Protein backbone atom coordinates (compact mmCIF):
# COMPACT_ATOMS: atom_id res chain seq x y z
CA PHE A 1 112.12 68.18 90.74
CA SER A 2 110.24 71.27 89.03
CA ILE A 3 111.53 74.34 88.57
CA VAL A 4 108.84 77.86 88.27
CA HIS A 5 109.50 80.94 86.12
CA ASP A 6 107.27 83.52 87.73
CA GLY A 7 106.76 86.52 85.37
CA ALA A 8 107.84 85.43 81.80
CA GLY A 9 104.71 87.00 80.81
CA TYR A 10 106.40 90.17 81.32
CA SER A 11 108.93 92.38 80.12
CA ARG A 12 111.31 93.95 81.92
CA THR A 13 109.51 97.34 81.26
CA ASP A 14 106.46 95.76 82.35
CA LYS A 15 108.17 95.17 85.65
CA ALA A 16 109.74 98.17 85.86
CA GLU A 17 107.05 100.18 85.41
CA VAL A 18 106.05 97.99 88.92
CA ILE A 19 108.89 98.86 90.90
CA ARG A 20 109.12 101.80 90.05
CA HIS A 21 106.10 102.71 92.08
CA TYR A 22 108.01 101.14 95.73
CA PRO A 23 110.62 103.39 97.06
CA VAL A 24 112.11 100.24 98.67
CA ALA A 25 111.86 97.86 95.68
CA ARG A 26 113.74 100.75 93.37
CA GLN A 27 116.81 101.01 96.34
CA ALA A 28 117.52 96.79 96.95
CA LEU A 29 116.82 96.54 93.20
CA LYS A 30 120.11 94.16 92.13
CA VAL A 31 120.52 93.67 88.67
CA CYS A 32 124.97 93.74 88.31
CA TRP A 33 127.04 90.95 88.04
CA GLU A 34 129.80 92.76 86.38
CA GLY A 35 131.09 95.50 88.95
CA GLU A 36 133.58 95.71 91.31
CA ASP A 37 130.78 95.69 94.17
CA GLN A 38 129.07 92.71 94.14
CA GLY A 39 126.52 94.12 96.45
CA GLY A 40 125.19 96.68 94.43
CA ASN A 41 124.65 98.25 90.58
CA CYS A 42 128.01 99.77 88.48
CA GLY A 43 125.48 101.91 86.33
CA LYS A 44 127.67 100.70 83.75
CA CYS A 45 127.38 97.62 82.72
CA GLU A 46 125.36 96.37 79.96
CA LYS A 47 122.87 95.18 82.23
CA CYS A 48 122.85 98.57 84.52
CA MET A 49 122.65 100.38 80.95
CA ARG A 50 119.07 98.48 79.71
CA THR A 51 117.77 98.43 83.07
CA ARG A 52 118.35 102.17 83.75
CA LEU A 53 116.32 102.55 79.22
CA ASN A 54 113.79 99.96 81.32
CA PHE A 55 113.06 102.76 84.04
CA LEU A 56 113.00 105.77 81.41
CA ALA A 57 110.65 104.00 78.87
CA ALA A 58 108.48 103.31 81.51
CA GLY A 59 108.05 106.92 82.52
CA GLU A 60 110.63 106.61 85.87
CA GLN A 61 112.21 110.57 85.32
CA ASN A 62 114.70 109.80 88.54
CA THR A 63 117.34 107.16 88.92
CA PRO A 64 116.55 104.33 90.58
CA GLU A 65 118.19 104.73 94.08
CA CYS A 66 119.44 101.10 93.47
CA PHE A 67 122.21 103.00 91.38
CA SER A 68 124.23 105.63 92.35
CA GLU A 69 125.06 108.27 89.33
CA GLU A 70 122.86 109.94 87.93
CA LEU A 71 122.60 108.55 83.54
CA ALA A 72 125.04 110.25 81.38
CA LEU A 73 123.47 110.64 77.54
CA ASP A 74 126.86 109.54 76.11
CA SER A 75 127.07 106.45 77.94
CA ILE A 76 124.05 105.16 75.88
CA THR A 77 126.07 106.45 72.70
CA ASN A 78 128.79 104.29 74.09
CA MET A 79 126.84 101.04 74.70
CA TYR A 80 128.33 98.27 73.80
CA ILE A 81 126.21 96.29 71.63
CA ARG A 82 127.51 92.49 71.62
CA ASN A 83 124.70 91.02 68.90
CA THR A 84 121.53 90.74 67.82
CA ALA A 85 119.42 89.34 70.88
CA ARG A 86 121.10 92.66 72.61
CA LEU A 87 119.50 94.98 70.04
CA ALA A 88 116.14 93.45 70.11
CA VAL A 89 116.34 94.39 73.06
CA LEU A 90 117.36 97.19 73.30
CA SER A 91 114.51 97.67 70.03
CA SER A 92 112.03 96.89 72.84
CA ILE A 93 112.75 99.41 74.64
CA VAL A 94 111.94 102.34 72.54
CA ILE A 95 108.65 100.44 71.24
CA TYR A 96 107.31 100.39 74.67
CA ALA A 97 108.61 103.77 75.79
CA GLU A 98 106.13 105.02 72.00
CA GLU A 99 103.91 102.84 72.22
CA HIS A 100 103.24 104.54 76.57
CA GLY A 101 104.08 108.27 74.74
CA VAL A 102 107.03 107.93 76.71
CA ALA A 103 109.40 110.98 75.65
CA GLY A 104 113.12 112.10 76.69
CA SER A 105 116.16 113.56 75.51
CA TRP A 106 117.83 109.99 75.81
CA LEU A 107 114.88 108.45 73.66
CA PRO A 108 116.58 109.38 70.00
CA VAL A 109 120.02 108.51 71.77
CA LEU A 110 119.13 105.39 72.33
CA LYS A 111 117.65 105.07 68.65
CA ALA A 112 120.40 106.48 66.94
CA LYS A 113 122.47 103.69 68.67
CA ILE A 114 120.32 101.41 67.41
CA LYS A 115 120.52 102.72 64.05
CA ASP A 116 124.36 103.21 63.98
CA TRP A 117 124.53 99.06 65.10
CA GLN A 118 122.62 98.21 62.49
CA GLU A 119 124.24 99.64 59.68
CA LYS A 120 127.58 98.46 61.47
CA TYR A 121 126.16 94.70 61.48
CA GLU A 122 125.21 95.04 57.95
CA ALA A 123 128.45 96.05 56.63
CA SER A 124 130.51 93.51 59.30
CA LYS A 125 128.17 90.69 57.68
CA LEU A 126 130.12 91.25 53.87
CA GLU A 127 133.10 90.93 55.85
CA LEU A 128 133.00 87.59 57.22
CA THR A 129 133.75 85.30 54.97
CA ASN A 130 134.35 81.63 55.42
CA ALA A 131 138.56 81.88 54.70
CA ALA A 132 138.76 84.81 57.19
CA LEU A 133 135.98 83.00 60.30
CA GLN A 134 138.31 80.57 59.60
CA ARG A 135 141.53 82.38 60.42
CA GLU A 136 139.74 83.34 62.85
CA ALA A 137 139.27 80.51 64.79
CA VAL A 138 142.78 79.42 64.67
CA GLU A 139 143.98 82.95 66.19
CA VAL A 140 141.46 81.72 68.56
CA ALA A 141 142.33 78.73 69.72
CA SER A 142 145.92 79.70 69.92
CA ARG A 143 144.77 82.87 72.12
CA ASN A 144 142.35 80.45 74.16
CA THR A 145 140.97 82.86 76.31
CA PRO A 146 136.88 83.31 76.86
CA GLU A 147 136.81 86.67 75.69
CA ALA A 148 138.28 85.42 72.19
CA TYR A 149 135.77 82.86 72.44
CA LEU A 150 133.21 85.24 72.73
CA ASP A 151 133.56 87.38 70.35
CA LEU A 152 134.07 84.50 67.60
CA SER A 153 131.03 83.19 68.77
CA ASP A 154 129.68 87.09 67.36
CA LYS A 155 131.06 86.13 64.57
CA TYR A 156 129.47 83.07 63.27
CA TYR A 157 126.20 84.41 64.65
CA ARG A 158 126.42 87.19 62.15
CA ALA A 159 127.61 85.42 59.17
CA ASN A 160 124.82 82.89 60.70
CA GLN A 161 126.54 79.87 61.19
CA PHE A 162 125.14 78.97 64.36
CA GLN A 163 126.39 75.58 65.12
CA SER A 164 130.08 77.38 65.14
CA ALA A 165 128.48 79.83 67.13
CA MET A 166 127.55 77.63 69.20
CA GLU A 167 130.39 75.50 69.52
CA ALA A 168 133.16 78.96 70.25
CA ALA A 169 130.07 79.57 73.07
CA ARG A 170 130.86 76.51 74.95
CA SER A 171 134.96 76.81 74.56
CA ALA A 172 133.85 79.97 76.74
CA ILE A 173 132.37 78.94 78.72
CA ALA A 174 134.65 76.03 79.28
CA LEU A 175 137.61 78.19 79.88
CA ARG A 176 135.13 80.03 82.54
CA PRO A 177 132.25 78.29 83.41
CA THR A 178 130.02 81.18 85.05
CA TYR A 179 130.62 83.25 81.88
CA ALA A 180 127.55 85.29 81.67
CA GLU A 181 127.33 86.33 78.02
CA ALA A 182 128.39 83.34 76.87
CA PHE A 183 125.54 81.59 77.62
CA ILE A 184 124.12 84.60 75.98
CA ASN A 185 125.32 83.65 72.87
CA LEU A 186 124.92 79.48 73.06
CA CYS A 187 121.32 80.39 73.76
CA ALA A 188 120.83 83.38 70.87
CA ALA A 189 122.48 80.67 67.98
CA TYR A 190 120.49 77.74 69.54
CA ASN A 191 117.55 79.91 69.10
CA GLN A 192 118.43 80.36 65.29
CA LEU A 193 118.26 76.49 64.71
């Protein structure tokens, strides 16, 4: 049994740069796993937003046909950045755009979103005392929902308690075995060990 991971040497923006030149690929691209229509892309979830930003960073000025609506700048402002792993991906999109001389009204909005998240992240780290996390863990266990465990996993991660972050992510996965966000948190915490 072997696994072949093709294309790992290229970033998502590198891949968008290639795909943007092929109309059929632009139309057929499917990245969304959260939207109601599993046959298409919702255009609003984190992965759809990230993909749209990949295309913009690659220099694509038109909305790829795989998305039904134009990208509104306020959707970048309102985008939820769950953890530092997601922040790193968004930061890499900014870096790619700048290194390739790509500009647009979306770029300063994304930069402001990243800066805002970083400031809030640093402030929230101060609030995450052990006692507060223990109280939160008890509350989460009583609610027993995958979303609550995922949120707890994020909080443990921000407090640099990576083993606990992994345990909370595993609890979310036990409740929802296909919870991609929880798998992402599990891997992000594991990578910090």
